[in-house]
Amino acid sequence: MKKILALLLAASMAMSATACSSGAATSSAAPASSGETSSAAKANFKVSMVTDTGGVNDQSFNQLSWEGLQKLKADNGADVSYAESKQEADYATNLDKAVDDENNLVWGVGFAMGDAILNAAKANPDVQFAIVDNAYEETPSNLTAVVFRAQEPSFLVGYIAAKTTKTNKVGFVGGVKSDVIDQFEYGYKAGVAYGAKEMGKTVEVVAQYAESFVDSAKGKAIASKMFSGGCDIVFHAAGNVGTGVIEAAKEANKYAIGVDKDQAFLAPNNVLTSALKKVDKAVEEVSKEIMDGKATGGTTISLGVKEEAAGIPEEHKLMGEETYKAAAALQDQIKDGKLVPPASEEDYNTFVKNLK
């Protein structure tokens, strides 16, 4: 896989306003450092991450972020740690502790931590901060924002759902409503519409939010109702809530679609595919750049299919070969900019209106 950050910095990519949760921003090329940091400096480089309320074992982006830091430790000798947030009130406390523990870089995971990370960065200008899934109108020089164009892999799994469904009714379970989760929902719905149009049929999408990223029982209840109501495939973008969705799929002998990482290991016979966001690679590589003394602060890094930071798994035993190849071809179109999946309700409505 290409070096995600190196590619981005070389290209000086502009980030779409729809890819962030707090406003538009632009990524800019970071100046190269005068040289690699010494081995001793790397060994003394401390990185900590603070999870959102989903926790470090959410089988999703918190867990992927931690895996990225563990890889940073294994390959570069950094001292890494994490703190779990049980409630939103823990964000500021955990960030303060990470600063007090003299970490060189502090990560916040999830758009819900946007304000807390921003306040911590402003209060501690000598510490580097970074955040996953949030961007700002004005980003402090010691804060790096990393966002993903989640609508791109979501479009692909929506297309696969439309090609696979036998009932012509599929579901979507979101965690907490936000611009970030809108990318998943409307990208998915657009992919379903695209696939349905291609096949000359109509596929209904039922969507519901759990208002949580941690309540797996609620996720299971919502998905079970969708399955009993005629859905045969349900996609989730809901953190730990999604483990309940997958459990419901197992019990109903239907399909679930995973998110962020390949979640097939949770139910090999029931997870049709997953909408991948390679958060681990992004966290590892951004951390490495900062460790090497390169200035990424004050920028927003936007990642998607083009940067090989999003997509679908190669494993596709539960879908037809023709379906997988068709989805892979669409992925290439997204990579080339020929197909632009929508990230909001407004863009989705326009996309569907213009489908031919």
Protein backbone atom coordinates (compact mmCIF):
# COMPACT_ATOMS: atom_id res chain seq x y z
CA MET A 1 0.00 0.00 0.00
CA LYS A 2 1.23 3.48 -0.80
CA LYS A 3 2.41 5.75 1.97
CA ILE A 4 -0.85 7.52 2.66
CA LEU A 5 0.52 10.72 4.12
CA ALA A 6 3.45 11.04 1.73
CA LEU A 7 1.08 10.88 -1.22
CA LEU A 8 -1.20 13.46 0.30
CA LEU A 9 1.51 15.92 1.21
CA ALA A 10 3.02 15.65 -2.25
CA ALA A 11 -0.32 16.29 -3.90
CA SER A 12 -1.41 19.06 -1.50
CA MET A 13 -4.98 17.85 -1.79
CA ALA A 14 -7.98 20.09 -1.13
CA MET A 15 -10.60 18.65 1.19
CA SER A 16 -14.28 18.80 0.32
CA ALA A 17 -16.47 20.61 2.83
CA THR A 18 -18.77 17.61 2.97
CA ALA A 19 -15.95 15.44 4.28
CA CYS A 20 -15.70 17.22 7.62
CA SER A 21 -18.00 17.60 10.55
CA SER A 22 -17.18 21.14 11.62
CA GLY A 23 -16.61 23.11 8.43
CA ALA A 24 -14.34 23.33 5.42
CA ALA A 25 -10.57 23.21 5.55
CA THR A 26 -7.69 22.65 3.18
CA SER A 27 -4.75 20.33 3.54
CA SER A 28 -1.40 21.80 2.56
CA ALA A 29 2.02 20.34 1.91
CA ALA A 30 4.10 20.01 5.04
CA PRO A 31 7.68 21.21 4.85
CA ALA A 32 10.24 18.46 5.06
CA SER A 33 12.27 18.18 8.24
CA SER A 34 15.99 18.78 8.25
CA GLY A 35 16.51 15.08 8.85
CA GLU A 36 15.19 11.97 10.49
CA THR A 37 15.04 12.04 14.25
CA SER A 38 17.60 9.92 16.06
CA SER A 39 16.87 6.47 17.39
CA ALA A 40 17.15 7.79 20.92
CA ALA A 41 14.64 10.55 20.19
CA LYS A 42 12.24 8.01 18.71
CA ALA A 43 12.55 5.78 21.75
CA ASN A 44 11.61 8.74 23.92
CA PHE A 45 8.70 9.79 21.71
CA LYS A 46 5.45 9.32 23.60
CA VAL A 47 2.06 9.04 21.92
CA SER A 48 -1.26 8.61 23.66
CA MET A 49 -4.76 8.30 22.27
CA VAL A 50 -8.08 9.04 23.93
CA THR A 51 -11.04 7.00 22.73
CA ASP A 52 -14.58 8.25 22.40
CA THR A 53 -17.27 6.45 24.39
CA GLY A 54 -17.12 3.45 22.06
CA GLY A 55 -14.02 2.21 23.86
CA VAL A 56 -10.81 0.68 22.58
CA ASN A 57 -12.39 -2.71 21.77
CA ASP A 58 -15.22 -1.35 19.60
CA GLN A 59 -14.20 -3.55 16.62
CA SER A 60 -14.17 -0.26 14.71
CA PHE A 61 -12.19 2.99 14.49
CA ASN A 62 -11.08 3.17 18.14
CA GLN A 63 -9.62 -0.31 17.90
CA LEU A 64 -8.05 0.44 14.53
CA SER A 65 -6.46 3.62 15.93
CA TRP A 66 -4.92 1.64 18.76
CA GLU A 67 -3.66 -0.99 16.31
CA GLY A 68 -1.98 1.82 14.36
CA LEU A 69 -0.17 3.03 17.47
CA GLN A 70 0.89 -0.50 18.37
CA LYS A 71 2.39 -0.83 14.88
CA LEU A 72 4.18 2.51 15.43
CA LYS A 73 5.69 1.08 18.60
CA ALA A 74 6.73 -2.17 16.93
CA ASP A 75 8.33 -0.50 13.91
CA ASN A 76 9.67 2.73 15.40
CA GLY A 77 10.04 2.21 19.13
CA ALA A 78 7.57 4.87 20.23
CA ASP A 79 6.08 4.71 23.72
CA VAL A 80 2.31 4.36 23.17
CA SER A 81 -0.71 4.31 25.48
CA TYR A 82 -4.44 4.93 25.49
CA ALA A 83 -7.22 6.14 27.78
CA GLU A 84 -10.85 5.07 27.41
CA SER A 85 -13.67 7.56 27.79
CA LYS A 86 -16.75 6.13 29.43
CA GLN A 87 -18.74 9.35 28.97
CA GLU A 88 -18.27 12.67 27.19
CA ALA A 89 -17.24 14.35 30.45
CA ASP A 90 -14.11 12.15 30.39
CA TYR A 91 -12.72 13.68 27.19
CA ALA A 92 -11.15 16.79 28.72
CA THR A 93 -9.93 14.89 31.78
CA ASN A 94 -8.25 12.20 29.70
CA LEU A 95 -6.65 14.75 27.39
CA ASP A 96 -5.31 16.73 30.36
CA LYS A 97 -3.81 13.55 31.81
CA ALA A 98 -2.16 12.72 28.48
CA VAL A 99 -0.54 16.17 28.50
CA ASP A 100 0.49 15.82 32.16
CA ASP A 101 2.11 12.49 31.29
CA GLU A 102 4.38 14.42 28.88
CA ASN A 103 3.20 12.82 25.67
CA ASN A 104 4.64 14.42 22.53
CA LEU A 105 1.53 13.62 20.51
CA VAL A 106 -2.05 13.13 21.70
CA TRP A 107 -4.77 11.63 19.48
CA GLY A 108 -8.51 12.05 19.90
CA VAL A 109 -10.63 9.43 18.15
CA GLY A 110 -14.02 10.39 16.78
CA PHE A 111 -15.88 13.54 15.81
CA ALA A 112 -17.48 13.69 19.27
CA MET A 113 -14.09 14.72 20.63
CA GLY A 114 -13.76 17.65 18.25
CA ASP A 115 -14.29 20.47 20.76
CA ALA A 116 -12.26 18.81 23.51
CA ILE A 117 -9.24 18.27 21.24
CA LEU A 118 -9.44 21.82 19.91
CA ASN A 119 -9.52 23.27 23.42
CA ALA A 120 -6.62 21.06 24.52
CA ALA A 121 -4.53 22.09 21.51
CA LYS A 122 -5.12 25.78 22.19
CA ALA A 123 -4.27 25.37 25.86
CA ASN A 124 -1.09 23.38 25.18
CA PRO A 125 0.72 24.91 22.17
CA ASP A 126 3.91 22.94 22.85
CA VAL A 127 2.15 19.58 22.45
CA GLN A 128 1.14 18.07 19.12
CA PHE A 129 -2.47 16.87 18.79
CA ALA A 130 -4.34 14.97 16.10
CA ILE A 131 -7.93 13.85 15.63
CA VAL A 132 -9.70 11.20 13.57
CA ASP A 133 -12.98 12.12 11.84
CA ASN A 134 -13.16 15.84 12.50
CA ALA A 135 -12.05 19.05 10.81
CA TYR A 136 -12.18 22.75 11.64
CA GLU A 137 -12.69 26.13 10.02
CA GLU A 138 -9.38 27.19 11.59
CA THR A 139 -6.96 24.49 12.70
CA PRO A 140 -4.25 25.38 15.26
CA SER A 141 -0.69 24.87 14.11
CA ASN A 142 -0.22 22.04 16.63
CA LEU A 143 -3.33 20.11 15.56
CA THR A 144 -3.65 17.73 12.60
CA ALA A 145 -7.13 16.72 11.46
CA VAL A 146 -7.61 13.41 9.63
CA VAL A 147 -10.92 12.75 7.89
CA PHE A 148 -12.14 9.98 5.62
CA ARG A 149 -14.48 10.20 2.67
CA ALA A 150 -16.65 7.46 4.16
CA GLN A 151 -19.25 7.89 1.43
CA GLU A 152 -16.89 6.15 -1.00
CA PRO A 153 -16.67 2.67 0.58
CA SER A 154 -20.30 3.05 1.73
CA PHE A 155 -21.36 3.52 -1.90
CA LEU A 156 -19.56 0.32 -2.84
CA VAL A 157 -21.21 -1.78 -0.13
CA GLY A 158 -24.58 -0.25 -1.02
CA TYR A 159 -24.06 -1.33 -4.60
CA ILE A 160 -23.17 -4.83 -3.42
CA ALA A 161 -26.30 -4.89 -1.24
CA ALA A 162 -28.50 -3.96 -4.21
CA LYS A 163 -26.92 -6.67 -6.35
CA THR A 164 -27.26 -9.28 -3.58
CA THR A 165 -30.64 -8.68 -1.94
CA LYS A 166 -33.39 -11.19 -2.65
CA THR A 167 -36.16 -9.25 -0.88
CA ASN A 168 -35.30 -5.87 -2.45
CA LYS A 169 -35.32 -4.35 1.04
CA VAL A 170 -32.15 -3.51 2.95
CA GLY A 171 -31.33 -1.62 6.13
CA PHE A 172 -28.94 0.93 7.61
CA VAL A 173 -28.23 1.35 11.33
CA GLY A 174 -26.41 4.52 12.36
CA GLY A 175 -24.91 5.39 15.72
CA VAL A 176 -25.47 9.08 16.47
CA LYS A 177 -26.63 11.44 13.71
CA SER A 178 -23.82 13.69 12.44
CA ASP A 179 -22.19 14.88 9.23
CA VAL A 180 -19.73 11.98 9.51
CA ILE A 181 -22.44 9.31 9.78
CA ASP A 182 -24.36 11.08 6.99
CA GLN A 183 -21.48 10.12 4.71
CA PHE A 184 -22.08 6.45 5.50
CA GLU A 185 -25.87 6.66 5.21
CA TYR A 186 -26.13 8.64 1.99
CA GLY A 187 -23.15 6.99 0.34
CA TYR A 188 -24.80 3.63 1.07
CA LYS A 189 -28.22 4.74 -0.15
CA ALA A 190 -26.66 6.10 -3.34
CA GLY A 191 -24.86 2.81 -3.97
CA VAL A 192 -28.12 0.92 -3.46
CA ALA A 193 -29.91 3.27 -5.88
CA TYR A 194 -27.10 2.91 -8.44
CA GLY A 195 -27.16 -0.89 -8.26
CA ALA A 196 -30.94 -1.04 -8.36
CA LYS A 197 -31.04 1.21 -11.40
CA GLU A 198 -28.46 -0.96 -13.13
CA MET A 199 -30.60 -4.04 -12.49
CA GLY A 200 -33.87 -2.37 -13.44
CA LYS A 201 -35.50 -2.80 -10.04
CA THR A 202 -36.41 -0.83 -6.94
CA VAL A 203 -34.68 -1.52 -3.61
CA GLU A 204 -36.05 0.03 -0.42
CA VAL A 205 -33.61 1.26 2.25
CA VAL A 206 -34.83 1.38 5.86
CA ALA A 207 -32.66 3.58 8.11
CA GLN A 208 -32.68 3.99 11.89
CA TYR A 209 -30.29 5.52 14.44
CA ALA A 210 -29.44 3.96 17.80
CA GLU A 211 -28.44 7.32 19.37
CA SER A 212 -25.45 5.45 20.75
CA PHE A 213 -22.13 3.98 19.71
CA VAL A 214 -21.94 1.54 22.63
CA ASP A 215 -25.36 -0.10 23.09
CA SER A 216 -24.96 -3.40 21.23
CA ALA A 217 -28.28 -4.68 22.61
CA LYS A 218 -30.07 -1.77 20.95
CA GLY A 219 -28.25 -2.45 17.70
CA LYS A 220 -29.37 -6.06 17.85
CA ALA A 221 -32.97 -5.05 18.55
CA ILE A 222 -33.07 -2.56 15.68
CA ALA A 223 -31.53 -4.97 13.20
CA SER A 224 -33.74 -7.86 14.33
CA LYS A 225 -36.79 -5.73 13.63
CA MET A 226 -35.42 -4.84 10.19
CA PHE A 227 -34.81 -8.50 9.39
CA SER A 228 -38.26 -9.55 10.56
CA GLY A 229 -39.69 -6.67 8.50
CA GLY A 230 -38.26 -7.98 5.25
CA CYS A 231 -34.69 -6.70 5.08
CA ASP A 232 -32.15 -9.36 4.20
CA ILE A 233 -29.05 -7.14 4.44
CA VAL A 234 -28.26 -4.47 7.08
CA PHE A 235 -25.26 -2.11 7.00
CA HIS A 236 -24.15 -0.46 10.21
CA ALA A 237 -22.01 2.58 10.98
CA ALA A 238 -22.38 2.52 14.72
CA GLY A 239 -19.27 1.34 16.58
CA ASN A 240 -20.08 -1.24 19.27
CA VAL A 241 -23.79 -0.96 18.38
CA GLY A 242 -22.80 -2.75 15.18
CA THR A 243 -21.73 -5.90 17.01
CA GLY A 244 -25.40 -6.27 17.93
CA VAL A 245 -26.38 -5.80 14.27
CA ILE A 246 -24.03 -8.60 13.28
CA GLU A 247 -25.34 -10.84 16.06
CA ALA A 248 -28.89 -10.24 14.80
CA ALA A 249 -27.79 -11.23 11.30
CA LYS A 250 -26.37 -14.50 12.64
CA GLU A 251 -29.58 -15.33 14.49
CA ALA A 252 -31.79 -14.46 11.50
CA ASN A 253 -29.44 -16.15 9.03
CA LYS A 254 -29.29 -12.92 7.05
CA TYR A 255 -26.44 -10.63 6.00
CA ALA A 256 -24.79 -7.74 7.82
CA ILE A 257 -22.28 -5.33 6.30
CA GLY A 258 -19.38 -4.32 8.53
CA VAL A 259 -17.68 -0.98 8.89
CA ASP A 260 -14.18 0.53 9.26
CA LYS A 261 -12.34 -2.82 9.44
CA ASP A 262 -13.13 -6.13 7.78
CA GLN A 263 -15.62 -7.50 10.31
CA ALA A 264 -16.09 -10.89 8.65
CA PHE A 265 -14.26 -12.53 11.56
CA LEU A 266 -17.26 -11.71 13.78
CA ALA A 267 -19.59 -13.83 11.64
CA PRO A 268 -17.86 -15.46 8.65
CA ASN A 269 -21.13 -16.75 7.18
CA ASN A 270 -23.13 -13.57 7.71
CA VAL A 271 -20.90 -10.53 7.10
CA LEU A 272 -21.32 -9.99 3.38
CA THR A 273 -18.58 -7.37 3.09
CA SER A 274 -17.35 -4.27 4.95
CA ALA A 275 -16.90 -0.56 4.21
CA LEU A 276 -13.22 -0.14 5.02
CA LYS A 277 -11.61 2.97 6.54
CA LYS A 278 -7.93 2.29 7.10
CA VAL A 279 -7.70 4.34 10.27
CA ASP A 280 -4.81 2.24 11.55
CA LYS A 281 -2.62 3.17 8.58
CA ALA A 282 -3.51 6.85 8.87
CA VAL A 283 -2.79 7.01 12.60
CA GLU A 284 0.48 5.14 12.19
CA GLU A 285 1.73 7.24 9.29
CA VAL A 286 0.67 10.64 10.61
CA SER A 287 2.29 9.77 13.95
CA LYS A 288 5.48 8.71 12.14
CA GLU A 289 5.60 12.01 10.24
CA ILE A 290 5.25 13.98 13.46
CA MET A 291 7.83 11.76 15.17
CA ASP A 292 10.21 12.55 12.31
CA GLY A 293 9.76 16.27 12.91
CA LYS A 294 7.59 17.05 9.92
CA ALA A 295 4.99 19.75 10.38
CA THR A 296 1.54 18.35 9.69
CA GLY A 297 -0.21 20.65 12.16
CA GLY A 298 -2.68 23.25 10.94
CA THR A 299 -3.82 20.96 8.11
CA THR A 300 -6.68 18.61 7.34
CA ILE A 301 -5.79 15.35 5.64
CA SER A 302 -8.65 13.87 3.60
CA LEU A 303 -8.42 10.18 2.80
CA GLY A 304 -10.44 7.86 0.60
CA VAL A 305 -10.26 5.37 -2.23
CA LYS A 306 -7.74 7.42 -4.22
CA GLU A 307 -5.24 7.28 -1.36
CA GLU A 308 -5.89 3.54 -0.87
CA ALA A 309 -7.24 4.39 2.58
CA ALA A 310 -10.81 3.17 1.95
CA GLY A 311 -12.58 0.49 -0.04
CA ILE A 312 -13.88 -3.06 0.32
CA PRO A 313 -12.11 -6.29 1.35
CA GLU A 314 -10.71 -8.57 -1.32
CA GLU A 315 -12.34 -11.58 0.35
CA HIS A 316 -15.80 -12.02 -1.17
CA LYS A 317 -16.87 -15.62 -0.68
CA LEU A 318 -20.45 -14.62 0.23
CA MET A 319 -21.14 -12.72 -2.97
CA GLY A 320 -20.97 -13.72 -6.60
CA GLU A 321 -17.75 -13.17 -8.51
CA GLU A 322 -19.61 -10.98 -10.98
CA THR A 323 -20.87 -8.74 -8.18
CA TYR A 324 -17.39 -8.35 -6.70
CA LYS A 325 -15.81 -7.53 -10.06
CA ALA A 326 -18.52 -4.95 -10.78
CA ALA A 327 -17.95 -3.33 -7.37
CA ALA A 328 -14.18 -3.33 -7.96
CA ALA A 329 -14.73 -1.59 -11.29
CA LEU A 330 -16.79 1.10 -9.54
CA GLN A 331 -14.02 1.48 -6.99
CA ASP A 332 -11.64 2.22 -9.85
CA GLN A 333 -14.06 4.86 -11.16
CA ILE A 334 -14.15 6.51 -7.74
CA LYS A 335 -10.35 6.40 -7.58
CA ASP A 336 -10.13 8.10 -10.99
CA GLY A 337 -12.70 10.75 -10.05
CA LYS A 338 -15.20 9.58 -12.67
CA LEU A 339 -17.74 8.65 -9.99
CA VAL A 340 -18.31 10.90 -6.97
CA PRO A 341 -20.57 9.38 -4.30
CA PRO A 342 -22.71 11.83 -2.30
CA ALA A 343 -21.94 12.63 1.34
CA SER A 344 -25.10 14.45 2.39
CA GLU A 345 -28.86 14.22 1.93
CA GLU A 346 -28.86 17.17 -0.47
CA ASP A 347 -26.12 15.66 -2.62
CA TYR A 348 -27.83 12.27 -2.47
CA ASN A 349 -31.09 13.71 -3.79
CA THR A 350 -29.22 15.33 -6.67
CA PHE A 351 -27.30 12.12 -7.37
CA VAL A 352 -30.45 10.00 -7.54
CA LYS A 353 -32.27 12.57 -9.67
CA ASN A 354 -29.45 12.43 -12.23
CA LEU A 355 -29.16 8.63 -12.35
CA LYS A 356 -29.53 7.33 -15.88
